[in-house]
Amino acid sequence: MSKYFSRSEFSCNCGCGFDTVDFELIEMLDQLRENFDKPIHITSGCRCKEYNAKVGGSVNSQHLLGRAADIQVKNVDPAIVYEVADKMGFGGVGCYATFTHVDTRDGRSRWEG
């Protein structure tokens, strides 16, 4: 699937099996991984509608389309990951206390959670 990631890392956390990931997202995450030269942990990838609702995700979440990942780069502050992801051109980038959200939506969206 990719140099650094397996499909199972993107599977919906509810166990339903949804793991269809956007190819552009994988390519950009590979580039991000190479930029930091550190492992990236996917805390949330694909989400089915039920799981997305359970975790309070937006009804229009890119996770529902397999176009988003919440990530942690080993030993890198989420704010730094946010800055680099922003410069790389991810469609959506959100900064949270313990992770960074990245997605490949059409258009550009930035936020802090």
N, C-alpha and C. Protein backbone atom coordinates (compact mmCIF):
# COMPACT_ATOMS: atom_id res chain seq x y z
N MET A 1 0.82 -1.19 0.00
CA MET A 1 0.00 0.00 0.00
C MET A 1 0.87 1.25 0.00
N SER A 2 1.89 1.26 0.85
CA SER A 2 2.78 2.41 0.93
C SER A 2 4.11 1.96 1.51
N LYS A 3 5.08 2.82 1.44
CA LYS A 3 6.40 2.52 1.98
C LYS A 3 6.36 2.42 3.51
N TYR A 4 5.50 3.21 4.14
CA TYR A 4 5.51 3.31 5.60
C TYR A 4 4.23 2.85 6.30
N PHE A 5 3.13 2.72 5.56
CA PHE A 5 1.84 2.46 6.20
C PHE A 5 1.17 1.21 5.63
N SER A 6 0.39 0.54 6.48
CA SER A 6 -0.42 -0.60 6.04
C SER A 6 -1.89 -0.21 6.11
N ARG A 7 -2.71 -0.86 5.33
CA ARG A 7 -4.14 -0.58 5.31
C ARG A 7 -4.76 -0.71 6.70
N SER A 8 -4.30 -1.69 7.46
CA SER A 8 -4.89 -1.93 8.79
C SER A 8 -4.74 -0.72 9.72
N GLU A 9 -3.72 0.10 9.51
CA GLU A 9 -3.53 1.28 10.35
C GLU A 9 -4.65 2.31 10.17
N PHE A 10 -5.35 2.24 9.04
CA PHE A 10 -6.41 3.19 8.73
C PHE A 10 -7.81 2.63 9.00
N SER A 11 -7.90 1.37 9.43
CA SER A 11 -9.21 0.74 9.66
C SER A 11 -10.00 1.48 10.73
N CYS A 12 -11.31 1.53 10.52
CA CYS A 12 -12.20 2.16 11.50
C CYS A 12 -11.98 1.52 12.87
N ASN A 13 -11.88 2.34 13.88
CA ASN A 13 -11.60 1.86 15.23
C ASN A 13 -12.74 1.07 15.87
N CYS A 14 -13.92 1.03 15.22
CA CYS A 14 -15.03 0.26 15.78
C CYS A 14 -14.93 -1.22 15.44
N GLY A 15 -14.07 -1.56 14.47
CA GLY A 15 -13.91 -2.95 14.07
C GLY A 15 -14.79 -3.38 12.92
N CYS A 16 -15.49 -2.44 12.27
CA CYS A 16 -16.41 -2.77 11.18
C CYS A 16 -15.69 -3.21 9.90
N GLY A 17 -14.40 -2.87 9.79
CA GLY A 17 -13.63 -3.27 8.63
C GLY A 17 -13.45 -2.20 7.57
N PHE A 18 -14.08 -1.04 7.72
CA PHE A 18 -13.92 0.03 6.74
C PHE A 18 -12.47 0.50 6.75
N ASP A 19 -11.80 0.33 5.60
CA ASP A 19 -10.38 0.71 5.53
C ASP A 19 -9.98 1.21 4.14
N THR A 20 -10.93 1.75 3.39
CA THR A 20 -10.64 2.26 2.06
C THR A 20 -10.04 3.65 2.18
N VAL A 21 -8.76 3.77 1.88
CA VAL A 21 -8.02 5.01 2.10
C VAL A 21 -7.71 5.69 0.77
N ASP A 22 -7.85 7.00 0.75
CA ASP A 22 -7.52 7.82 -0.41
C ASP A 22 -6.03 7.71 -0.73
N PHE A 23 -5.73 7.43 -1.99
CA PHE A 23 -4.34 7.27 -2.42
C PHE A 23 -3.53 8.55 -2.20
N GLU A 24 -4.12 9.70 -2.46
CA GLU A 24 -3.41 10.97 -2.26
C GLU A 24 -3.03 11.16 -0.80
N LEU A 25 -3.92 10.74 0.12
CA LEU A 25 -3.62 10.84 1.55
C LEU A 25 -2.39 10.01 1.89
N ILE A 26 -2.35 8.79 1.36
CA ILE A 26 -1.21 7.90 1.62
C ILE A 26 0.09 8.54 1.08
N GLU A 27 0.03 9.04 -0.13
CA GLU A 27 1.23 9.66 -0.72
C GLU A 27 1.72 10.84 0.13
N MET A 28 0.79 11.67 0.58
CA MET A 28 1.17 12.84 1.36
C MET A 28 1.70 12.44 2.74
N LEU A 29 1.11 11.40 3.34
CA LEU A 29 1.61 10.92 4.63
C LEU A 29 3.00 10.32 4.47
N ASP A 30 3.26 9.63 3.37
CA ASP A 30 4.61 9.13 3.10
C ASP A 30 5.60 10.29 3.04
N GLN A 31 5.22 11.36 2.36
CA GLN A 31 6.10 12.54 2.26
C GLN A 31 6.32 13.18 3.62
N LEU A 32 5.25 13.24 4.42
CA LEU A 32 5.36 13.81 5.76
C LEU A 32 6.30 12.97 6.62
N ARG A 33 6.17 11.66 6.50
CA ARG A 33 7.03 10.72 7.24
C ARG A 33 8.49 10.94 6.85
N GLU A 34 8.75 11.09 5.56
CA GLU A 34 10.11 11.31 5.10
C GLU A 34 10.64 12.68 5.54
N ASN A 35 9.76 13.66 5.59
CA ASN A 35 10.16 14.99 6.04
C ASN A 35 10.68 14.96 7.48
N PHE A 36 9.95 14.28 8.36
CA PHE A 36 10.35 14.23 9.77
C PHE A 36 11.37 13.13 10.04
N ASP A 37 11.43 12.13 9.18
CA ASP A 37 12.29 10.96 9.38
C ASP A 37 12.02 10.32 10.74
N LYS A 38 10.71 10.26 11.07
CA LYS A 38 10.26 9.65 12.33
C LYS A 38 8.95 8.92 12.06
N PRO A 39 8.69 7.87 12.84
CA PRO A 39 7.43 7.14 12.66
C PRO A 39 6.20 8.02 12.90
N ILE A 40 5.14 7.71 12.16
CA ILE A 40 3.85 8.39 12.32
C ILE A 40 2.84 7.34 12.77
N HIS A 41 2.15 7.64 13.86
CA HIS A 41 1.10 6.76 14.37
C HIS A 41 -0.26 7.33 13.93
N ILE A 42 -1.08 6.49 13.30
CA ILE A 42 -2.43 6.88 12.91
C ILE A 42 -3.36 6.58 14.08
N THR A 43 -3.88 7.63 14.72
CA THR A 43 -4.79 7.40 15.86
C THR A 43 -6.23 7.21 15.39
N SER A 44 -6.57 7.79 14.24
CA SER A 44 -7.89 7.61 13.65
C SER A 44 -7.77 7.83 12.15
N GLY A 45 -8.22 6.86 11.39
CA GLY A 45 -8.21 6.96 9.93
C GLY A 45 -9.63 6.95 9.40
N CYS A 46 -9.98 5.85 8.77
CA CYS A 46 -11.34 5.71 8.24
C CYS A 46 -12.34 5.59 9.39
N ARG A 47 -13.52 6.15 9.19
CA ARG A 47 -14.59 6.02 10.17
C ARG A 47 -15.90 5.72 9.46
N CYS A 48 -16.61 4.73 9.97
CA CYS A 48 -17.97 4.50 9.48
C CYS A 48 -18.87 5.57 10.10
N LYS A 49 -20.05 5.72 9.56
CA LYS A 49 -20.97 6.76 10.02
C LYS A 49 -21.28 6.63 11.51
N GLU A 50 -21.49 5.41 11.97
CA GLU A 50 -21.84 5.18 13.38
C GLU A 50 -20.69 5.55 14.31
N TYR A 51 -19.48 5.11 13.96
CA TYR A 51 -18.33 5.41 14.82
C TYR A 51 -18.03 6.91 14.81
N ASN A 52 -18.14 7.53 13.65
CA ASN A 52 -17.90 8.96 13.56
C ASN A 52 -18.85 9.73 14.48
N ALA A 53 -20.12 9.33 14.51
CA ALA A 53 -21.10 9.97 15.39
C ALA A 53 -20.73 9.72 16.86
N LYS A 54 -20.30 8.51 17.16
CA LYS A 54 -19.95 8.14 18.53
C LYS A 54 -18.81 9.01 19.08
N VAL A 55 -17.84 9.34 18.22
CA VAL A 55 -16.69 10.13 18.68
C VAL A 55 -16.89 11.63 18.49
N GLY A 56 -18.09 12.02 18.05
CA GLY A 56 -18.40 13.44 17.91
C GLY A 56 -17.83 14.07 16.66
N GLY A 57 -17.57 13.26 15.63
CA GLY A 57 -17.05 13.79 14.38
C GLY A 57 -18.10 14.57 13.60
N SER A 58 -17.66 15.45 12.75
CA SER A 58 -18.55 16.24 11.90
C SER A 58 -19.33 15.32 10.96
N VAL A 59 -20.56 15.68 10.66
CA VAL A 59 -21.36 14.87 9.72
C VAL A 59 -20.75 14.90 8.32
N ASN A 60 -19.91 15.89 8.05
CA ASN A 60 -19.22 16.00 6.76
C ASN A 60 -17.74 15.63 6.88
N SER A 61 -17.38 14.86 7.89
CA SER A 61 -15.99 14.51 8.15
C SER A 61 -15.34 13.80 6.97
N GLN A 62 -14.12 14.19 6.69
CA GLN A 62 -13.33 13.54 5.64
C GLN A 62 -12.94 12.11 6.04
N HIS A 63 -13.01 11.80 7.34
CA HIS A 63 -12.76 10.43 7.80
C HIS A 63 -13.79 9.46 7.19
N LEU A 64 -15.01 9.94 6.98
CA LEU A 64 -16.07 9.11 6.40
C LEU A 64 -15.77 8.70 4.96
N LEU A 65 -14.91 9.47 4.32
CA LEU A 65 -14.56 9.23 2.91
C LEU A 65 -13.19 8.56 2.77
N GLY A 66 -12.54 8.27 3.89
CA GLY A 66 -11.19 7.69 3.84
C GLY A 66 -10.15 8.69 3.38
N ARG A 67 -10.45 9.98 3.55
CA ARG A 67 -9.55 11.04 3.09
C ARG A 67 -8.88 11.79 4.25
N ALA A 68 -8.96 11.25 5.47
CA ALA A 68 -8.41 11.95 6.64
C ALA A 68 -7.71 10.99 7.59
N ALA A 69 -6.77 11.55 8.32
CA ALA A 69 -6.10 10.79 9.38
C ALA A 69 -5.75 11.75 10.52
N ASP A 70 -5.95 11.27 11.73
CA ASP A 70 -5.45 11.95 12.92
C ASP A 70 -4.13 11.26 13.24
N ILE A 71 -3.07 12.04 13.36
CA ILE A 71 -1.74 11.45 13.46
C ILE A 71 -0.93 12.01 14.62
N GLN A 72 0.06 11.22 15.02
CA GLN A 72 1.06 11.65 15.98
C GLN A 72 2.42 11.28 15.39
N VAL A 73 3.29 12.26 15.28
CA VAL A 73 4.66 12.00 14.83
C VAL A 73 5.51 11.84 16.09
N LYS A 74 6.23 10.74 16.14
CA LYS A 74 7.01 10.41 17.34
C LYS A 74 7.91 11.57 17.77
N ASN A 75 7.70 12.01 19.02
CA ASN A 75 8.50 13.06 19.66
C ASN A 75 8.44 14.42 18.95
N VAL A 76 7.34 14.69 18.24
CA VAL A 76 7.17 15.99 17.59
C VAL A 76 5.85 16.59 18.07
N ASP A 77 5.89 17.82 18.52
CA ASP A 77 4.70 18.52 19.00
C ASP A 77 3.69 18.66 17.86
N PRO A 78 2.40 18.42 18.14
CA PRO A 78 1.37 18.56 17.10
C PRO A 78 1.38 19.91 16.39
N ALA A 79 1.77 20.97 17.07
CA ALA A 79 1.81 22.29 16.44
C ALA A 79 2.88 22.34 15.35
N ILE A 80 3.98 21.66 15.56
CA ILE A 80 5.04 21.60 14.54
C ILE A 80 4.55 20.77 13.35
N VAL A 81 3.88 19.66 13.63
CA VAL A 81 3.33 18.82 12.55
C VAL A 81 2.32 19.64 11.75
N TYR A 82 1.49 20.40 12.45
CA TYR A 82 0.51 21.29 11.80
C TYR A 82 1.20 22.23 10.82
N GLU A 83 2.25 22.89 11.26
CA GLU A 83 2.96 23.86 10.42
C GLU A 83 3.52 23.21 9.15
N VAL A 84 4.12 22.04 9.31
CA VAL A 84 4.72 21.35 8.16
C VAL A 84 3.62 20.85 7.22
N ALA A 85 2.55 20.26 7.78
CA ALA A 85 1.44 19.77 6.95
C ALA A 85 0.78 20.91 6.17
N ASP A 86 0.68 22.07 6.82
CA ASP A 86 0.12 23.25 6.16
C ASP A 86 0.97 23.63 4.95
N LYS A 87 2.27 23.68 5.13
CA LYS A 87 3.18 24.05 4.04
C LYS A 87 3.19 23.01 2.92
N MET A 88 2.94 21.74 3.27
CA MET A 88 2.94 20.67 2.27
C MET A 88 1.71 20.73 1.37
N GLY A 89 0.65 21.38 1.85
CA GLY A 89 -0.54 21.54 1.02
C GLY A 89 -1.66 20.55 1.26
N PHE A 90 -1.72 19.95 2.43
CA PHE A 90 -2.89 19.14 2.77
C PHE A 90 -4.12 20.03 2.66
N GLY A 91 -5.25 19.49 2.24
CA GLY A 91 -6.47 20.28 2.13
C GLY A 91 -6.94 20.78 3.48
N GLY A 92 -7.04 19.88 4.43
CA GLY A 92 -7.45 20.23 5.78
C GLY A 92 -6.35 19.89 6.77
N VAL A 93 -6.11 20.81 7.70
CA VAL A 93 -5.12 20.57 8.75
C VAL A 93 -5.68 21.15 10.04
N GLY A 94 -5.75 20.33 11.07
CA GLY A 94 -6.22 20.78 12.37
C GLY A 94 -5.22 20.43 13.45
N CYS A 95 -5.00 21.34 14.38
CA CYS A 95 -4.06 21.12 15.47
C CYS A 95 -4.81 20.92 16.79
N TYR A 96 -4.51 19.83 17.45
CA TYR A 96 -5.11 19.50 18.74
C TYR A 96 -3.99 19.28 19.75
N ALA A 97 -4.32 19.14 21.01
CA ALA A 97 -3.30 19.01 22.06
C ALA A 97 -2.41 17.78 21.88
N THR A 98 -2.99 16.66 21.43
CA THR A 98 -2.22 15.42 21.37
C THR A 98 -2.06 14.83 19.97
N PHE A 99 -2.65 15.46 18.96
CA PHE A 99 -2.54 14.93 17.61
C PHE A 99 -2.78 16.04 16.59
N THR A 100 -2.49 15.71 15.34
CA THR A 100 -2.74 16.62 14.23
C THR A 100 -3.66 15.92 13.25
N HIS A 101 -4.68 16.61 12.78
CA HIS A 101 -5.59 16.09 11.76
C HIS A 101 -5.07 16.57 10.40
N VAL A 102 -5.00 15.63 9.43
CA VAL A 102 -4.67 15.99 8.04
C VAL A 102 -5.68 15.33 7.12
N ASP A 103 -6.02 16.01 6.03
CA ASP A 103 -6.91 15.40 5.05
C ASP A 103 -6.67 15.95 3.66
N THR A 104 -7.29 15.30 2.69
CA THR A 104 -7.09 15.64 1.28
C THR A 104 -8.37 16.19 0.66
N ARG A 105 -9.14 16.93 1.43
CA ARG A 105 -10.36 17.57 0.92
C ARG A 105 -10.04 18.50 -0.23
N ASP A 106 -11.03 18.79 -1.04
CA ASP A 106 -10.89 19.83 -2.05
C ASP A 106 -10.98 21.17 -1.33
N GLY A 107 -10.12 22.08 -1.67
CA GLY A 107 -10.11 23.37 -0.97
C GLY A 107 -9.16 23.33 0.21
N ARG A 108 -9.22 24.39 1.00
CA ARG A 108 -8.30 24.55 2.12
C ARG A 108 -9.07 24.90 3.38
N SER A 109 -8.75 24.21 4.48
CA SER A 109 -9.36 24.49 5.78
C SER A 109 -8.31 24.31 6.86
N ARG A 110 -8.23 25.26 7.78
CA ARG A 110 -7.27 25.21 8.90
C ARG A 110 -8.01 25.52 10.19
N TRP A 111 -7.65 24.81 11.27
CA TRP A 111 -8.28 25.06 12.56
C TRP A 111 -7.44 24.52 13.71
N GLU A 112 -7.80 24.97 14.89
CA GLU A 112 -7.20 24.46 16.14
C GLU A 112 -8.33 23.97 17.02
N GLY A 113 -8.12 22.82 17.62
CA GLY A 113 -9.18 22.21 18.42
C GLY A 113 -8.93 22.25 19.90
